Amino acid sequence: MTTTRRVVVITGAGGALGAAISHKLAGEPDTDLVLSDVSAASLEATVTGLPATTGGVETTLADVSDADQVESVVAMAVERFGRLDVLISNAGVLSANGRIHNLATEEWERAFRINVMGAVNGIRAAVGVMRPHRSGSIVLTASISGLTAWSHAAPYCATKAAVIQLAKVAAVEYARDGIRVNCVCPGSFRSAIHDDLPPDAVDAIAKRHPLGLGSAEDLVGAYSYLAGDGSRWTTGSAMVVDGGYSAP
């Protein structure tokens, strides 16, 4: 008897969340990974941290705002492992801090190019491979900022709201093809972006989360669920994992 292995592509695999997702899925049975990021150093650090039980792993540099580069990531998965079962579109970018009228057009365009078109490019590349097999799971990384209002962060909020709606529309469009599309909406979690903040600023962020400031490891269970067979009747969902931020 042969075991069908699961092939997972993760973009944005070099960041704190991407590394945690990669580590989680690498430790699950019969899973091969294709990991992508714009930073070679970050991608190498993620691979170094993977568990010893990891299956096959391929890495490649890619900018998710470039459709051809995303297509090449998916093509690598098919060429190396013969299939694509799961795409986790995790690459994203924060925006400059400022009120709407003070933010340059370039800031808005950059946010939409990476956060929204990165997800669009991932979906387009993945469904081309998944549709003939009539199966697959696509998981987008949104944010609780797409469901709430963060002052001085309009480009980030607007793009993450777009990602949530994109997941819902894609879920409806591709359900007949057996493809599920969902997104995860994280609250604030400790990462490198907090390193330069004074302790009182970090405390203020933590206080807005009833369970306190989380970590990337607190989020990976949602990705594992949406990537696995246990979520086979789940599509179009925006799974909130925010330490209670949106509860009050």
C-alpha atoms as a PDB file:
ATOM      1  CA  MET A   1       0.000   0.000   0.000  1.00  0.00           C
ATOM      2  CA  THR A   2       1.319   3.432  -0.946  1.00  0.00           C
ATOM      3  CA  THR A   3       0.645   6.579   1.033  1.00  0.00           C
ATOM      4  CA  THR A   4      -0.481   9.704  -0.795  1.00  0.00           C
ATOM      5  CA  ARG A   5       1.668  12.537   0.402  1.00  0.00           C
ATOM      6  CA  ARG A   6       0.374  16.059   0.827  1.00  0.00           C
ATOM      7  CA  VAL A   7       2.190  18.874  -0.977  1.00  0.00           C
ATOM      8  CA  VAL A   8       2.016  22.320   0.622  1.00  0.00           C
ATOM      9  CA  VAL A   9       3.247  25.645  -0.772  1.00  0.00           C
ATOM     10  CA  ILE A  10       3.811  28.463   1.732  1.00  0.00           C
ATOM     11  CA  THR A  11       4.611  31.993   0.582  1.00  0.00           C
ATOM     12  CA  GLY A  12       6.018  34.465   3.078  1.00  0.00           C
ATOM     13  CA  ALA A  13       7.703  31.516   4.779  1.00  0.00           C
ATOM     14  CA  GLY A  14      10.593  33.611   6.086  1.00  0.00           C
ATOM     15  CA  GLY A  15       8.708  35.770   8.578  1.00  0.00           C
ATOM     16  CA  ALA A  16       7.801  34.876  12.145  1.00  0.00           C
ATOM     17  CA  LEU A  17       4.361  33.557  11.210  1.00  0.00           C
ATOM     18  CA  GLY A  18       5.549  31.886   8.017  1.00  0.00           C
ATOM     19  CA  ALA A  19       8.317  30.092   9.904  1.00  0.00           C
ATOM     20  CA  ALA A  20       5.881  28.925  12.586  1.00  0.00           C
ATOM     21  CA  ILE A  21       3.409  27.625  10.002  1.00  0.00           C
ATOM     22  CA  SER A  22       6.203  25.864   8.141  1.00  0.00           C
ATOM     23  CA  HIS A  23       7.425  24.224  11.343  1.00  0.00           C
ATOM     24  CA  LYS A  24       3.916  23.094  12.275  1.00  0.00           C
ATOM     25  CA  LEU A  25       3.048  21.566   8.908  1.00  0.00           C
ATOM     26  CA  ALA A  26       6.510  20.061   8.442  1.00  0.00           C
ATOM     27  CA  GLY A  27       5.903  18.051  11.604  1.00  0.00           C
ATOM     28  CA  GLU A  28       2.657  16.589  10.301  1.00  0.00           C
ATOM     29  CA  PRO A  29       2.671  13.173   8.586  1.00  0.00           C
ATOM     30  CA  ASP A  30       3.256  12.683   4.881  1.00  0.00           C
ATOM     31  CA  THR A  31       3.809  16.354   4.094  1.00  0.00           C
ATOM     32  CA  ASP A  32       6.212  17.839   1.554  1.00  0.00           C
ATOM     33  CA  LEU A  33       6.843  21.579   1.465  1.00  0.00           C
ATOM     34  CA  VAL A  34       7.745  24.269  -1.029  1.00  0.00           C
ATOM     35  CA  LEU A  35       8.710  27.395   0.898  1.00  0.00           C
ATOM     36  CA  SER A  36       9.034  30.829  -0.656  1.00  0.00           C
ATOM     37  CA  ASP A  37       9.998  34.315   0.504  1.00  0.00           C
ATOM     38  CA  VAL A  38      11.658  37.470  -0.833  1.00  0.00           C
ATOM     39  CA  SER A  39      14.512  37.124   1.668  1.00  0.00           C
ATOM     40  CA  ALA A  40      17.066  34.354   1.184  1.00  0.00           C
ATOM     41  CA  ALA A  41      18.412  34.767   4.728  1.00  0.00           C
ATOM     42  CA  SER A  42      14.961  34.537   6.316  1.00  0.00           C
ATOM     43  CA  LEU A  43      14.064  31.526   4.209  1.00  0.00           C
ATOM     44  CA  GLU A  44      17.280  29.780   5.231  1.00  0.00           C
ATOM     45  CA  ALA A  45      16.519  30.459   8.897  1.00  0.00           C
ATOM     46  CA  THR A  46      13.073  28.895   8.502  1.00  0.00           C
ATOM     47  CA  VAL A  47      14.488  25.761   6.910  1.00  0.00           C
ATOM     48  CA  THR A  48      17.147  25.474   9.611  1.00  0.00           C
ATOM     49  CA  GLY A  49      14.408  25.493  12.245  1.00  0.00           C
ATOM     50  CA  LEU A  50      12.305  22.714  10.725  1.00  0.00           C
ATOM     51  CA  PRO A  51      11.929  19.477  12.713  1.00  0.00           C
ATOM     52  CA  ALA A  52      14.097  16.486  11.914  1.00  0.00           C
ATOM     53  CA  THR A  53      11.044  14.499  10.788  1.00  0.00           C
ATOM     54  CA  THR A  54      10.366  16.899   7.920  1.00  0.00           C
ATOM     55  CA  GLY A  55       9.566  15.355   4.526  1.00  0.00           C
ATOM     56  CA  GLY A  56      10.766  16.815   1.259  1.00  0.00           C
ATOM     57  CA  VAL A  57      11.516  20.540   1.276  1.00  0.00           C
ATOM     58  CA  GLU A  58      12.194  22.867  -1.633  1.00  0.00           C
ATOM     59  CA  THR A  59      12.811  26.598  -1.359  1.00  0.00           C
ATOM     60  CA  THR A  60      12.675  29.418  -3.862  1.00  0.00           C
ATOM     61  CA  LEU A  61      12.769  33.194  -3.790  1.00  0.00           C
ATOM     62  CA  ALA A  62       9.670  34.958  -5.074  1.00  0.00           C
ATOM     63  CA  ASP A  63       7.930  38.314  -4.897  1.00  0.00           C
ATOM     64  CA  VAL A  64       4.211  37.595  -4.567  1.00  0.00           C
ATOM     65  CA  SER A  65       3.294  40.837  -6.322  1.00  0.00           C
ATOM     66  CA  ASP A  66       4.754  39.328  -9.518  1.00  0.00           C
ATOM     67  CA  ALA A  67       2.323  36.790 -10.985  1.00  0.00           C
ATOM     68  CA  ASP A  68       5.015  34.996 -12.974  1.00  0.00           C
ATOM     69  CA  GLN A  69       7.125  34.446  -9.875  1.00  0.00           C
ATOM     70  CA  VAL A  70       4.166  32.978  -7.984  1.00  0.00           C
ATOM     71  CA  GLU A  71       3.418  30.720 -10.929  1.00  0.00           C
ATOM     72  CA  SER A  72       7.014  29.506 -10.763  1.00  0.00           C
ATOM     73  CA  VAL A  73       6.626  28.579  -7.088  1.00  0.00           C
ATOM     74  CA  VAL A  74       3.584  26.435  -7.845  1.00  0.00           C
ATOM     75  CA  ALA A  75       5.342  24.976 -10.894  1.00  0.00           C
ATOM     76  CA  MET A  76       8.224  23.926  -8.643  1.00  0.00           C
ATOM     77  CA  ALA A  77       5.810  22.038  -6.394  1.00  0.00           C
ATOM     78  CA  VAL A  78       4.368  20.152  -9.342  1.00  0.00           C
ATOM     79  CA  GLU A  79       7.758  19.480 -10.895  1.00  0.00           C
ATOM     80  CA  ARG A  80       9.356  18.278  -7.657  1.00  0.00           C
ATOM     81  CA  PHE A  81       6.444  16.506  -5.963  1.00  0.00           C
ATOM     82  CA  GLY A  82       3.911  15.959  -8.738  1.00  0.00           C
ATOM     83  CA  ARG A  83       0.980  17.859  -7.252  1.00  0.00           C
ATOM     84  CA  LEU A  84      -0.286  20.727  -5.106  1.00  0.00           C
ATOM     85  CA  ASP A  85      -2.744  20.093  -2.292  1.00  0.00           C
ATOM     86  CA  VAL A  86      -2.468  23.219  -0.139  1.00  0.00           C
ATOM     87  CA  LEU A  87      -1.464  26.804  -0.794  1.00  0.00           C
ATOM     88  CA  ILE A  88      -0.889  29.067   2.195  1.00  0.00           C
ATOM     89  CA  SER A  89      -0.628  32.634   0.930  1.00  0.00           C
ATOM     90  CA  ASN A  90       1.057  34.293   3.870  1.00  0.00           C
ATOM     91  CA  ALA A  91       3.250  37.023   2.386  1.00  0.00           C
ATOM     92  CA  GLY A  92       2.254  40.538   3.359  1.00  0.00           C
ATOM     93  CA  VAL A  93       3.509  43.967   4.237  1.00  0.00           C
ATOM     94  CA  LEU A  94       2.696  46.564   6.875  1.00  0.00           C
ATOM     95  CA  SER A  95       2.080  50.169   5.897  1.00  0.00           C
ATOM     96  CA  ALA A  96       3.601  53.408   7.068  1.00  0.00           C
ATOM     97  CA  ASN A  97       1.930  54.897  10.141  1.00  0.00           C
ATOM     98  CA  GLY A  98      -0.161  57.943   9.271  1.00  0.00           C
ATOM     99  CA  ARG A  99      -3.592  59.378   8.648  1.00  0.00           C
ATOM    100  CA  ILE A 100      -5.166  58.772   5.258  1.00  0.00           C
ATOM    101  CA  HIS A 101      -4.393  62.231   3.827  1.00  0.00           C
ATOM    102  CA  ASN A 102      -0.756  62.014   4.894  1.00  0.00           C
ATOM    103  CA  LEU A 103       0.023  58.674   3.262  1.00  0.00           C
ATOM    104  CA  ALA A 104       1.676  58.771  -0.146  1.00  0.00           C
ATOM    105  CA  THR A 105       0.097  57.093  -3.144  1.00  0.00           C
ATOM    106  CA  GLU A 106       3.098  54.808  -3.277  1.00  0.00           C
ATOM    107  CA  GLU A 107       2.263  53.463   0.198  1.00  0.00           C
ATOM    108  CA  TRP A 108      -1.268  52.604  -0.902  1.00  0.00           C
ATOM    109  CA  GLU A 109      -0.106  50.987  -4.122  1.00  0.00           C
ATOM    110  CA  ARG A 110       2.554  48.935  -2.343  1.00  0.00           C
ATOM    111  CA  ALA A 111       0.017  47.621   0.178  1.00  0.00           C
ATOM    112  CA  PHE A 112      -2.457  46.583  -2.517  1.00  0.00           C
ATOM    113  CA  ARG A 113       0.252  45.148  -4.768  1.00  0.00           C
ATOM    114  CA  ILE A 114       1.591  42.822  -2.073  1.00  0.00           C
ATOM    115  CA  ASN A 115      -1.316  42.163   0.291  1.00  0.00           C
ATOM    116  CA  VAL A 116      -4.137  41.912  -2.253  1.00  0.00           C
ATOM    117  CA  MET A 117      -2.527  41.044  -5.576  1.00  0.00           C
ATOM    118  CA  GLY A 118      -0.173  38.654  -3.779  1.00  0.00           C
ATOM    119  CA  ALA A 119      -3.225  36.700  -2.644  1.00  0.00           C
ATOM    120  CA  VAL A 120      -4.852  36.992  -6.075  1.00  0.00           C
ATOM    121  CA  ASN A 121      -1.694  35.713  -7.756  1.00  0.00           C
ATOM    122  CA  GLY A 122      -1.561  32.798  -5.336  1.00  0.00           C
ATOM    123  CA  ILE A 123      -5.161  31.819  -6.013  1.00  0.00           C
ATOM    124  CA  ARG A 124      -4.721  32.055  -9.777  1.00  0.00           C
ATOM    125  CA  ALA A 125      -1.603  29.912  -9.734  1.00  0.00           C
ATOM    126  CA  ALA A 126      -3.036  27.312  -7.348  1.00  0.00           C
ATOM    127  CA  VAL A 127      -6.420  26.763  -8.969  1.00  0.00           C
ATOM    128  CA  GLY A 128      -4.782  26.077 -12.304  1.00  0.00           C
ATOM    129  CA  VAL A 129      -3.195  23.004 -10.749  1.00  0.00           C
ATOM    130  CA  MET A 130      -5.965  22.064  -8.311  1.00  0.00           C
ATOM    131  CA  ARG A 131      -8.989  22.225 -10.615  1.00  0.00           C
ATOM    132  CA  PRO A 132      -8.105  19.189 -12.754  1.00  0.00           C
ATOM    133  CA  HIS A 133      -7.813  17.119  -9.545  1.00  0.00           C
ATOM    134  CA  ARG A 134     -11.033  18.609  -8.127  1.00  0.00           C
ATOM    135  CA  SER A 135      -9.467  19.105  -4.714  1.00  0.00           C
ATOM    136  CA  GLY A 136      -7.335  21.531  -2.773  1.00  0.00           C
ATOM    137  CA  SER A 137      -7.217  23.976   0.107  1.00  0.00           C
ATOM    138  CA  ILE A 138      -6.158  27.620  -0.159  1.00  0.00           C
ATOM    139  CA  VAL A 139      -5.520  29.566   3.037  1.00  0.00           C
ATOM    140  CA  LEU A 140      -4.949  33.319   2.948  1.00  0.00           C
ATOM    141  CA  THR A 141      -3.498  35.386   5.770  1.00  0.00           C
ATOM    142  CA  ALA A 142      -5.783  38.332   6.506  1.00  0.00           C
ATOM    143  CA  SER A 143      -5.877  40.222   9.816  1.00  0.00           C
ATOM    144  CA  ILE A 144      -8.226  41.303  12.540  1.00  0.00           C
ATOM    145  CA  SER A 145      -7.523  44.783  11.138  1.00  0.00           C
ATOM    146  CA  GLY A 146      -9.692  43.784   8.190  1.00  0.00           C
ATOM    147  CA  LEU A 147     -12.642  43.415  10.562  1.00  0.00           C
ATOM    148  CA  THR A 148     -11.936  46.336  12.899  1.00  0.00           C
ATOM    149  CA  ALA A 149     -10.613  49.872  12.443  1.00  0.00           C
ATOM    150  CA  TRP A 150      -6.996  50.679  13.244  1.00  0.00           C
ATOM    151  CA  SER A 151      -6.278  54.396  13.252  1.00  0.00           C
ATOM    152  CA  HIS A 152      -3.256  55.480  11.191  1.00  0.00           C
ATOM    153  CA  ALA A 153      -3.186  52.128   9.360  1.00  0.00           C
ATOM    154  CA  ALA A 154      -5.722  52.586   6.552  1.00  0.00           C
ATOM    155  CA  PRO A 155      -3.800  50.832   3.740  1.00  0.00           C
ATOM    156  CA  TYR A 156      -3.200  47.771   5.900  1.00  0.00           C
ATOM    157  CA  CYS A 157      -6.815  47.651   7.132  1.00  0.00           C
ATOM    158  CA  ALA A 158      -8.257  48.162   3.654  1.00  0.00           C
ATOM    159  CA  THR A 159      -6.089  45.505   2.043  1.00  0.00           C
ATOM    160  CA  LYS A 160      -6.738  42.940   4.755  1.00  0.00           C
ATOM    161  CA  ALA A 161     -10.488  43.575   4.467  1.00  0.00           C
ATOM    162  CA  ALA A 162     -10.075  42.934   0.744  1.00  0.00           C
ATOM    163  CA  VAL A 163      -8.294  39.646   1.467  1.00  0.00           C
ATOM    164  CA  ILE A 164     -11.208  38.507   3.645  1.00  0.00           C
ATOM    165  CA  GLN A 165     -13.715  39.291   0.897  1.00  0.00           C
ATOM    166  CA  LEU A 166     -11.441  37.709  -1.714  1.00  0.00           C
ATOM    167  CA  ALA A 167     -11.445  34.460   0.261  1.00  0.00           C
ATOM    168  CA  LYS A 168     -15.235  34.477   0.397  1.00  0.00           C
ATOM    169  CA  VAL A 169     -15.687  35.137  -3.314  1.00  0.00           C
ATOM    170  CA  ALA A 170     -13.070  32.544  -4.254  1.00  0.00           C
ATOM    171  CA  ALA A 171     -14.743  30.015  -1.952  1.00  0.00           C
ATOM    172  CA  VAL A 172     -18.010  30.444  -3.856  1.00  0.00           C
ATOM    173  CA  GLU A 173     -16.356  30.413  -7.268  1.00  0.00           C
ATOM    174  CA  TYR A 174     -14.267  27.282  -6.764  1.00  0.00           C
ATOM    175  CA  ALA A 175     -16.488  25.140  -4.538  1.00  0.00           C
ATOM    176  CA  ARG A 176     -17.755  23.271  -7.603  1.00  0.00           C
ATOM    177  CA  ASP A 177     -14.128  22.414  -8.370  1.00  0.00           C
ATOM    178  CA  GLY A 178     -13.649  20.862  -4.938  1.00  0.00           C
ATOM    179  CA  ILE A 179     -11.350  23.679  -3.820  1.00  0.00           C
ATOM    180  CA  ARG A 180     -11.801  25.262  -0.387  1.00  0.00           C
ATOM    181  CA  VAL A 181     -10.690  28.848   0.244  1.00  0.00           C
ATOM    182  CA  ASN A 182     -10.463  30.316   3.736  1.00  0.00           C
ATOM    183  CA  CYS A 183      -8.476  32.954   5.576  1.00  0.00           C
ATOM    184  CA  VAL A 184      -7.034  33.442   9.042  1.00  0.00           C
ATOM    185  CA  CYS A 185      -7.417  36.785  10.831  1.00  0.00           C
ATOM    186  CA  PRO A 186      -4.654  37.098  13.427  1.00  0.00           C
ATOM    187  CA  GLY A 187      -4.613  39.664  16.172  1.00  0.00           C
ATOM    188  CA  SER A 188      -1.313  41.235  17.176  1.00  0.00           C
ATOM    189  CA  PHE A 189       1.403  38.720  17.945  1.00  0.00           C
ATOM    190  CA  ARG A 190       4.979  39.256  18.986  1.00  0.00           C
ATOM    191  CA  SER A 191       7.370  39.480  16.042  1.00  0.00           C
ATOM    192  CA  ALA A 192      10.406  41.433  14.866  1.00  0.00           C
ATOM    193  CA  ILE A 193       8.285  44.549  14.274  1.00  0.00           C
ATOM    194  CA  HIS A 194       7.951  44.931  18.037  1.00  0.00           C
ATOM    195  CA  ASP A 195      11.692  44.861  18.683  1.00  0.00           C
ATOM    196  CA  ASP A 196      12.130  48.611  18.255  1.00  0.00           C
ATOM    197  CA  LEU A 197       9.061  49.594  20.249  1.00  0.00           C
ATOM    198  CA  PRO A 198       9.424  50.865  23.820  1.00  0.00           C
ATOM    199  CA  PRO A 199       8.067  48.515  26.506  1.00  0.00           C
ATOM    200  CA  ASP A 200       5.110  50.774  27.276  1.00  0.00           C
ATOM    201  CA  ALA A 201       4.006  50.654  23.623  1.00  0.00           C
ATOM    202  CA  VAL A 202       4.148  46.867  23.620  1.00  0.00           C
ATOM    203  CA  ASP A 203       2.205  46.816  26.882  1.00  0.00           C
ATOM    204  CA  ALA A 204      -0.466  49.052  25.359  1.00  0.00           C
ATOM    205  CA  ILE A 205      -0.883  46.667  22.440  1.00  0.00           C
ATOM    206  CA  ALA A 206      -1.045  43.681  24.768  1.00  0.00           C
ATOM    207  CA  LYS A 207      -3.738  45.303  26.915  1.00  0.00           C
ATOM    208  CA  ARG A 208      -6.067  45.489  23.924  1.00  0.00           C
ATOM    209  CA  HIS A 209      -6.024  41.673  23.802  1.00  0.00           C
ATOM    210  CA  PRO A 210      -7.835  40.096  26.785  1.00  0.00           C
ATOM    211  CA  LEU A 211      -5.518  37.067  26.575  1.00  0.00           C
ATOM    212  CA  GLY A 212      -2.458  39.261  26.147  1.00  0.00           C
ATOM    213  CA  LEU A 213      -0.085  39.588  23.238  1.00  0.00           C
ATOM    214  CA  GLY A 214       0.192  36.286  21.424  1.00  0.00           C
ATOM    215  CA  SER A 215       2.956  34.588  19.464  1.00  0.00           C
ATOM    216  CA  ALA A 216       3.142  33.110  15.998  1.00  0.00           C
ATOM    217  CA  GLU A 217       2.906  29.665  17.557  1.00  0.00           C
ATOM    218  CA  ASP A 218      -0.521  30.599  18.945  1.00  0.00           C
ATOM    219  CA  LEU A 219      -1.817  30.969  15.381  1.00  0.00           C
ATOM    220  CA  VAL A 220      -0.575  27.847  13.632  1.00  0.00           C
ATOM    221  CA  GLY A 221      -3.407  25.591  14.804  1.00  0.00           C
ATOM    222  CA  ALA A 222      -5.820  27.530  12.590  1.00  0.00           C
ATOM    223  CA  TYR A 223      -3.636  26.997   9.533  1.00  0.00           C
ATOM    224  CA  SER A 224      -3.204  23.317  10.350  1.00  0.00           C
ATOM    225  CA  TYR A 225      -6.971  22.896  10.618  1.00  0.00           C
ATOM    226  CA  LEU A 226      -7.754  24.715   7.380  1.00  0.00           C
ATOM    227  CA  ALA A 227      -5.016  22.845   5.524  1.00  0.00           C
ATOM    228  CA  GLY A 228      -6.218  19.443   6.732  1.00  0.00           C
ATOM    229  CA  ASP A 229      -9.066  17.048   6.038  1.00  0.00           C
ATOM    230  CA  GLY A 230     -10.782  18.045   9.280  1.00  0.00           C
ATOM    231  CA  SER A 231     -11.943  21.251   7.572  1.00  0.00           C
ATOM    232  CA  ARG A 232     -13.319  19.499   4.483  1.00  0.00           C
ATOM    233  CA  TRP A 233     -16.726  21.210   4.980  1.00  0.00           C
ATOM    234  CA  THR A 234     -15.255  24.610   5.775  1.00  0.00           C
ATOM    235  CA  THR A 235     -14.922  27.219   3.050  1.00  0.00           C
ATOM    236  CA  GLY A 236     -15.367  30.968   2.840  1.00  0.00           C
ATOM    237  CA  SER A 237     -14.532  31.391   6.512  1.00  0.00           C
ATOM    238  CA  ALA A 238     -12.520  34.164   8.150  1.00  0.00           C
ATOM    239  CA  MET A 239     -11.111  32.406  11.193  1.00  0.00           C
ATOM    240  CA  VAL A 240     -10.366  34.914  13.949  1.00  0.00           C
ATOM    241  CA  VAL A 241      -7.429  34.109  16.242  1.00  0.00           C
ATOM    242  CA  ASP A 242      -6.891  37.340  18.141  1.00  0.00           C
ATOM    243  CA  GLY A 243      -6.635  36.701  21.884  1.00  0.00           C
ATOM    244  CA  GLY A 244     -10.035  38.307  22.314  1.00  0.00           C
ATOM    245  CA  TYR A 245      -9.156  41.612  20.652  1.00  0.00           C
ATOM    246  CA  SER A 246     -12.431  41.812  18.714  1.00  0.00           C
ATOM    247  CA  ALA A 247     -14.642  40.527  21.557  1.00  0.00           C
ATOM    248  CA  PRO A 248     -15.344  43.779  23.489  1.00  0.00           C
END
